[in-house]
Protein backbone atom coordinates (compact mmCIF):
# COMPACT_ATOMS: atom_id res chain seq x y z
CA UNK A 1 -32.29 -13.04 11.69
CA UNK A 2 -32.84 -11.12 8.25
CA UNK A 3 -31.23 -7.90 9.51
CA UNK A 4 -27.82 -9.83 10.60
CA UNK A 5 -27.85 -11.80 6.92
CA UNK A 6 -28.48 -8.62 5.29
CA UNK A 7 -25.67 -7.01 7.56
CA UNK A 8 -23.30 -9.92 6.28
CA UNK A 9 -24.53 -9.63 3.68
CA UNK A 10 -23.62 -5.50 3.04
CA UNK A 11 -19.92 -6.16 4.25
CA UNK A 12 -19.38 -8.56 1.47
CA UNK A 13 -20.56 -7.28 -1.37
CA UNK A 14 -19.01 -3.88 0.22
CA UNK A 15 -15.71 -5.89 -0.13
CA UNK A 16 -16.38 -6.66 -3.55
CA UNK A 17 -16.94 -3.12 -4.23
CA UNK A 18 -13.20 -2.58 -2.71
CA UNK A 19 -11.69 -5.64 -4.32
CA UNK A 20 -13.09 -4.03 -8.24
CA UNK A 21 -11.56 -1.04 -7.41
CA UNK A 22 -7.80 -1.87 -7.55
CA UNK A 23 -7.83 -5.39 -9.12
CA UNK A 24 -6.50 -3.93 -11.65
CA UNK A 25 -3.49 -3.20 -9.71
CA UNK A 26 -3.43 -5.68 -8.25
CA UNK A 27 -2.57 -7.90 -10.77
CA UNK A 28 -0.01 -5.60 -12.90
CA UNK A 29 2.44 -5.02 -9.41
CA UNK A 30 2.41 -8.58 -9.72
CA UNK A 31 2.96 -9.14 -13.16
CA UNK A 32 5.82 -6.42 -12.73
CA UNK A 33 7.55 -8.19 -9.83
CA UNK A 34 7.83 -11.34 -12.13
CA UNK A 35 9.27 -9.26 -14.98
CA UNK A 36 11.82 -7.98 -12.73
CA UNK A 37 12.85 -10.69 -11.27
CA UNK A 38 12.85 -13.00 -14.18
CA UNK A 39 14.36 -10.53 -16.72
CA UNK A 40 15.91 -7.95 -15.34
CA UNK A 41 19.48 -8.48 -13.88
CA UNK A 42 21.21 -8.44 -10.34
CA UNK A 43 24.25 -6.26 -11.75
CA UNK A 44 21.55 -4.27 -13.10
CA UNK A 45 20.02 -3.22 -10.09
CA UNK A 46 22.54 -3.43 -7.52
CA UNK A 47 24.42 -0.78 -9.71
CA UNK A 48 21.14 1.28 -10.20
CA UNK A 49 19.25 0.87 -6.70
CA UNK A 50 22.22 -0.03 -4.07
CA UNK A 51 23.96 2.40 -1.77
CA UNK A 52 21.54 4.82 0.18
CA UNK A 53 22.84 8.21 -1.55
CA UNK A 54 20.25 10.52 -3.17
CA UNK A 55 20.69 9.26 -7.36
CA UNK A 56 19.36 5.58 -6.37
CA UNK A 57 16.66 6.63 -4.81
CA UNK A 58 15.81 9.11 -7.03
CA UNK A 59 15.43 6.38 -9.24
CA UNK A 60 13.88 4.69 -6.79
CA UNK A 61 11.18 7.00 -6.62
CA UNK A 62 10.71 7.44 -9.53
CA UNK A 63 10.30 3.62 -10.62
CA UNK A 64 7.76 3.51 -7.51
CA UNK A 65 5.74 6.71 -8.49
CA UNK A 66 5.37 4.88 -12.53
CA UNK A 67 3.76 1.76 -10.99
CA UNK A 68 1.62 0.07 -9.29
CA UNK A 69 -0.46 2.00 -6.77
CA UNK A 70 -1.74 -0.98 -3.99
CA UNK A 71 0.33 -2.23 -1.36
CA UNK A 72 0.43 -5.29 -1.43
CA UNK A 73 1.71 -5.07 -4.96
CA UNK A 74 3.99 -2.62 -4.17
CA UNK A 75 5.60 -4.45 -1.37
CA UNK A 76 5.55 -7.62 -3.76
CA UNK A 77 7.61 -5.51 -6.62
CA UNK A 78 9.79 -3.89 -3.59
CA UNK A 79 10.99 -7.37 -2.15
CA UNK A 80 11.71 -8.70 -6.20
CA UNK A 81 14.00 -5.23 -6.32
CA UNK A 82 15.93 -5.65 -2.37
CA UNK A 83 15.98 -9.65 -3.63
CA UNK A 84 18.08 -8.46 -6.91
CA UNK A 85 20.25 -6.25 -4.71
CA UNK A 86 18.64 -2.76 -4.00
CA UNK A 87 19.20 -1.30 -1.09
CA UNK A 88 16.48 -1.33 2.52
CA UNK A 89 16.47 2.29 1.73
CA UNK A 90 15.42 2.12 -2.33
CA UNK A 91 13.44 -0.24 -1.83
CA UNK A 92 11.12 1.51 1.10
CA UNK A 93 12.06 4.34 -0.98
CA UNK A 94 9.68 2.42 -4.11
CA UNK A 95 7.13 1.63 -1.57
CA UNK A 96 6.86 4.67 0.02
CA UNK A 97 6.00 5.67 -3.96
CA UNK A 98 4.63 3.34 -5.57
CA UNK A 99 1.40 3.75 -3.29
CA UNK A 100 1.63 7.50 -2.67
CA UNK A 101 3.04 8.92 -5.46
CA UNK A 102 0.65 7.14 -8.43
CA UNK A 103 -1.61 9.48 -10.43
CA UNK A 104 -4.85 6.92 -10.47
CA UNK A 105 -4.57 7.63 -6.35
CA UNK A 106 -4.20 11.28 -6.37
CA UNK A 107 -7.59 11.63 -8.31
CA UNK A 108 -9.72 8.72 -6.98
CA UNK A 109 -8.82 11.30 -3.64
CA UNK A 110 -9.50 14.41 -5.43
CA UNK A 111 -13.38 13.13 -6.87
CA UNK A 112 -14.26 12.15 -3.21
CA UNK A 113 -12.27 13.71 -0.28
CA UNK A 114 -11.10 17.56 -2.81
CA UNK A 115 -8.34 18.31 -4.30
CA UNK A 116 -6.53 18.89 -1.14
CA UNK A 117 -6.03 15.69 0.23
CA UNK A 118 -4.58 14.94 -2.90
CA UNK A 119 -1.60 17.26 -3.34
CA UNK A 120 -1.33 15.97 0.06
CA UNK A 121 -0.26 12.60 -0.45
CA UNK A 122 2.24 13.60 -3.16
CA UNK A 123 3.34 16.29 -1.19
CA UNK A 124 3.70 14.20 2.13
CA UNK A 125 5.12 11.25 0.14
CA UNK A 126 8.23 13.08 -0.75
CA UNK A 127 8.77 14.09 2.58
CA UNK A 128 8.10 10.06 4.29
CA UNK A 129 10.59 9.40 1.59
CA UNK A 130 13.07 11.95 2.68
CA UNK A 131 12.71 11.68 6.72
CA UNK A 132 13.11 7.55 5.87
CA UNK A 133 16.07 7.84 3.98
CA UNK A 134 17.53 10.48 7.18
CA UNK A 135 16.04 7.66 9.56
CA UNK A 136 16.95 4.25 8.28
CA UNK A 137 20.25 3.43 10.53
CA UNK A 138 18.32 4.17 13.46
CA UNK A 139 16.56 1.11 12.79
CA UNK A 140 18.37 -1.02 11.08
CA UNK A 141 21.78 -1.91 10.64
CA UNK A 142 23.76 -2.93 7.56
CA UNK A 143 24.29 -6.21 8.35
CA UNK A 144 20.24 -6.70 9.61
CA UNK A 145 19.54 -5.28 6.27
CA UNK A 146 21.42 -8.64 4.69
CA UNK A 147 19.47 -11.35 6.60
CA UNK A 148 17.01 -10.04 5.68
CA UNK A 149 18.32 -10.26 1.98
CA UNK A 150 19.38 -13.49 2.99
CA UNK A 151 16.02 -14.35 3.89
CA UNK A 152 14.02 -13.11 1.03
CA UNK A 153 16.02 -14.83 -1.79
CA UNK A 154 15.63 -17.93 0.38
CA UNK A 155 11.95 -17.24 0.84
CA UNK A 156 11.39 -16.93 -2.67
CA UNK A 157 13.55 -20.54 -3.49
CA UNK A 158 11.04 -21.42 -1.63
CA UNK A 159 7.79 -21.19 -3.83
CA UNK A 160 10.20 -20.79 -7.47
CA UNK A 161 9.86 -24.03 -9.47
CA UNK A 162 12.68 -24.40 -11.33
CA UNK A 163 12.13 -23.14 -14.76
CA UNK A 164 14.04 -25.99 -16.26
CA UNK A 165 15.23 -23.90 -19.28
CA UNK A 166 11.61 -22.79 -20.07
CA UNK A 167 11.44 -18.76 -22.24
CA UNK A 168 10.96 -16.00 -20.64
CA UNK A 169 7.05 -15.71 -19.67
CA UNK A 170 7.64 -19.05 -18.56
CA UNK A 171 9.43 -17.65 -15.57
CA UNK A 172 7.47 -14.80 -15.31
CA UNK A 173 4.12 -16.59 -14.68
CA UNK A 174 5.83 -18.79 -11.99
CA UNK A 175 6.89 -15.66 -9.67
CA UNK A 176 3.80 -14.46 -10.54
CA UNK A 177 2.43 -17.07 -9.16
CA UNK A 178 4.57 -17.41 -6.36
CA UNK A 179 3.84 -14.05 -4.77
CA UNK A 180 0.14 -14.37 -5.24
CA UNK A 181 0.54 -17.87 -3.54
CA UNK A 182 2.29 -15.93 -0.43
CA UNK A 183 -0.28 -13.34 -0.06
CA UNK A 184 -3.38 -14.93 -1.19
CA UNK A 185 -4.73 -15.73 2.12
CA UNK A 186 -3.52 -11.98 3.67
CA UNK A 187 -5.21 -10.34 0.57
CA UNK A 188 -8.83 -11.96 0.99
CA UNK A 189 -8.80 -11.45 4.93
CA UNK A 190 -7.89 -7.75 4.65
CA UNK A 191 -10.54 -6.98 1.76
CA UNK A 192 -12.98 -8.67 3.92
CA UNK A 193 -12.39 -7.16 7.22
CA UNK A 194 -12.27 -3.62 4.81
CA UNK A 195 -16.25 -4.69 4.01
CA UNK A 196 -17.40 -5.02 7.01
CA UNK A 197 -15.70 -2.21 8.49
CA UNK A 198 -16.77 0.47 5.58
CA UNK A 199 -20.82 -0.60 7.69
CA UNK A 200 -19.51 1.30 10.70
CA UNK A 201 -21.55 4.39 11.30
CA UNK A 202 -19.81 7.64 11.63
CA UNK A 203 -20.13 7.51 15.63
CA UNK A 204 -18.12 4.42 16.00
CA UNK A 205 -15.31 6.56 15.29
CA UNK A 206 -16.08 10.13 16.87
CA UNK A 207 -15.44 8.87 19.97
CA UNK A 208 -12.73 7.66 18.70
CA UNK A 209 -10.64 10.99 18.05
CA UNK A 210 -10.19 14.07 20.73
CA UNK A 211 -12.98 17.27 19.44
CA UNK A 212 -12.82 19.47 22.14
CA UNK A 213 -9.34 19.44 22.91
CA UNK A 214 -6.89 22.27 22.04
CA UNK A 215 -6.48 22.21 18.31
CA UNK A 216 -2.34 21.31 18.80
CA UNK A 217 -3.30 18.65 20.90
CA UNK A 218 -6.42 17.15 18.75
CA UNK A 219 -4.02 16.90 16.28
CA UNK A 220 -1.34 14.94 17.87
CA UNK A 221 -3.89 12.76 18.95
CA UNK A 222 -5.53 12.18 15.46
CA UNK A 223 -2.28 11.17 13.48
CA UNK A 224 -1.42 8.71 16.17
CA UNK A 225 -5.06 7.25 15.96
CA UNK A 226 -5.30 7.85 12.36
CA UNK A 227 -2.18 5.44 11.73
CA UNK A 228 -3.59 2.58 14.51
CA UNK A 229 -7.16 2.57 11.98
CA UNK A 230 -5.74 1.64 8.95
CA UNK A 231 -3.62 -1.14 10.99
CA UNK A 232 -6.86 -3.00 11.66
CA UNK A 233 -8.94 -2.09 8.67
CA UNK A 234 -6.54 -4.15 6.46
CA UNK A 235 -7.31 -1.88 3.48
CA UNK A 236 -4.74 -1.51 0.49
CA UNK A 237 -3.75 2.20 -0.89
CA UNK A 238 -6.14 2.92 -3.29
CA UNK A 239 -9.04 0.68 -1.43
CA UNK A 240 -8.07 3.12 2.24
CA UNK A 241 -9.60 6.11 0.39
CA UNK A 242 -12.96 5.13 1.24
CA UNK A 243 -12.63 4.60 4.60
CA UNK A 244 -10.57 7.79 4.38
CA UNK A 245 -13.41 9.77 3.45
CA UNK A 246 -15.72 7.78 5.80
CA UNK A 247 -12.93 9.29 9.25
CA UNK A 248 -13.22 12.65 7.37
CA UNK A 249 -17.27 12.85 7.72
CA UNK A 250 -17.22 11.18 11.00
CA UNK A 251 -15.44 14.90 12.55
CA UNK A 252 -11.38 13.59 12.45
CA UNK A 253 -9.00 15.92 10.78
CA UNK A 254 -7.45 16.58 8.05
CA UNK A 255 -3.98 15.93 9.86
CA UNK A 256 -5.65 12.13 10.98
CA UNK A 257 -6.77 11.19 7.09
CA UNK A 258 -3.54 11.41 5.66
CA UNK A 259 -1.79 9.84 8.65
CA UNK A 260 -4.40 7.80 7.65
CA UNK A 261 -4.19 7.31 4.36
CA UNK A 262 0.18 7.19 4.79
CA UNK A 263 -0.58 3.62 6.68
CA UNK A 264 -1.26 1.31 4.24
CA UNK A 265 2.24 0.14 4.14
CA UNK A 266 1.73 -1.12 7.57
CA UNK A 267 -1.05 -2.61 8.35
CA UNK A 268 -1.34 -6.24 10.01
CA UNK A 269 -1.66 -7.88 7.07
CA UNK A 270 1.20 -6.19 5.44
CA UNK A 271 3.29 -6.49 8.17
CA UNK A 272 3.03 -10.60 7.88
CA UNK A 273 3.76 -10.55 5.00
CA UNK A 274 6.87 -8.39 5.43
CA UNK A 275 7.94 -11.20 8.24
CA UNK A 276 7.48 -13.92 5.06
CA UNK A 277 9.79 -12.21 3.01
CA UNK A 278 12.34 -10.44 5.59
CA UNK A 279 12.24 -12.15 8.76
CA UNK A 280 10.57 -11.28 12.03
CA UNK A 281 13.42 -8.66 12.91
CA UNK A 282 13.17 -6.92 10.52
CA UNK A 283 9.82 -7.03 9.56
CA UNK A 284 9.15 -5.60 12.57
CA UNK A 285 11.83 -2.56 12.23
CA UNK A 286 10.78 -1.11 9.41
CA UNK A 287 7.27 -1.66 10.61
CA UNK A 288 8.52 0.96 13.44
CA UNK A 289 10.60 3.07 11.23
CA UNK A 290 7.25 3.30 8.97
CA UNK A 291 4.99 4.50 11.44
CA UNK A 292 7.46 6.76 13.20
CA UNK A 293 7.65 8.51 10.07
CA UNK A 294 3.87 8.52 8.80
CA UNK A 295 3.42 10.82 11.88
CA UNK A 296 6.48 13.10 10.99
CA UNK A 297 4.89 13.30 7.81
CA UNK A 298 1.45 13.97 8.84
CA UNK A 299 2.69 16.81 10.83
CA UNK A 300 4.57 18.38 8.68
CA UNK A 301 2.20 18.67 5.50
CA UNK A 302 -0.10 19.61 8.28
CA UNK A 303 1.57 23.19 9.69
CA UNK A 304 2.51 23.63 6.07
CA UNK A 305 -0.74 23.34 3.93
CA UNK A 306 -1.76 25.06 7.73
CA UNK A 307 0.26 27.67 6.86
CA UNK A 308 -1.00 28.11 3.19
CA UNK A 309 -4.61 28.19 4.00
CA UNK A 310 -5.04 25.21 2.10
CA UNK A 311 -6.68 22.96 5.13
CA UNK A 312 -10.60 21.93 4.49
CA UNK A 313 -13.07 24.38 5.72
CA UNK A 314 -16.50 23.29 3.45
CA UNK A 315 -19.09 20.90 4.37
CA UNK A 316 -17.38 17.29 4.34
CA UNK A 317 -18.92 14.28 1.72
CA UNK A 318 -21.80 11.80 3.30
CA UNK A 319 -21.26 8.34 3.87
CA UNK A 320 -23.31 8.11 0.25
CA UNK A 321 -21.22 9.30 -1.49
CA UNK A 322 -18.19 6.84 -0.14
CA UNK A 323 -19.24 3.79 -1.65
CA UNK A 324 -19.66 3.70 -5.52
CA UNK A 325 -20.87 1.04 -7.92
CA UNK A 326 -20.16 -1.27 -10.60
CA UNK A 327 -20.40 0.20 -13.68
CA UNK A 328 -19.64 1.12 -17.50
CA UNK A 329 -16.59 2.38 -17.16
CA UNK A 330 -12.67 2.71 -18.09
CA UNK A 331 -12.31 0.36 -14.33
CA UNK A 332 -14.60 -2.02 -15.34
CA UNK A 333 -12.32 -2.30 -18.24
CA UNK A 334 -9.21 -2.43 -17.00
CA UNK A 335 -10.18 -5.09 -13.86
CA UNK A 336 -10.98 -6.90 -17.52
CA UNK A 337 -8.44 -6.53 -18.46
CA UNK A 338 -6.58 -7.89 -15.16
CA UNK A 339 -8.50 -10.68 -15.10
CA UNK A 340 -7.47 -12.41 -18.94
CA UNK A 341 -3.73 -11.30 -17.41
CA UNK A 342 -4.60 -12.87 -14.29
CA UNK A 343 -5.91 -16.30 -16.21
CA UNK A 344 -3.31 -16.44 -18.78
CA UNK A 345 -0.32 -15.80 -16.55
CA UNK A 346 -1.31 -19.54 -13.97
CA UNK A 347 -2.72 -21.05 -17.28
CA UNK A 348 1.13 -20.71 -18.28
CA UNK A 349 3.04 -21.20 -14.61
CA UNK A 350 0.34 -24.48 -14.00
CA UNK A 351 1.32 -25.64 -18.20
CA UNK A 352 4.50 -25.03 -17.02
CA UNK A 353 4.97 -27.13 -13.47
CA UNK A 354 3.38 -30.78 -15.83
């Protein structure tokens, strides 16, 4: 009984540590989403991010790279952009950029598993966006895209109260609260499951990966299994880097790690959020699109890095290197700031409802 309680306690501890890693990014992302919804005119979004040409996609990519690195926050912001008139290709470009082209994700990856993975994440992020832009219309028709936009607009109306002529920050707070109301259950369940999955030993993961087959077969199997593990692990962008380190130490290939990291936008809780935002059909289509682009992009990155001799061959990280602890550093202050912003916006939204 004591061992069971100890295991449960350790699982909760790791869930809290993962949450600690990304709390500030979550709050920042949802705050940006609230600002986009309240302050940015629909006509401006339509003009900048509508259509599927190079310039709108490039703008969306730059906007994503400059925003939050958390998957849950990224999809909330992308939903806001999509509601305001952004095209599906630019909204998805924003999501991929926000979770693959941000400096904090690369920094965490560099520290835990090496600079080669950080570089692969950035190179692969660009490849993901290019592939998605090319393949989108094979999965999503213009008619389905507009149906999804109407669904997103109607879903938001069901969660946001009338601002009743309140000031701009009241509108931001109302939208901030609405996004948390829609997704807090998915986020909570996701981090709890991630904490307990992190307790599984290397042997649990080892049997999932082909290790004694030809290199090509092993690579293909790993890039298919990596996203499946991510889908079931419920971990968002920065939070899945420690699990990627666990997989790397457990024997998965370079391509498998990259595919796993790319797949943070198709975990089950996020797919459930897509369904709430856009409807079932659109959610399933964009999930299938992302899976296909993730697998292809991981194979391309592995091939490029193999040719350049950049795939790591040195010692892999131990389990002791994977999970850290709360310390007095920049993350502590960022999380305290995030807590203050969360409390202030929730208080303001609650006050406006009285």
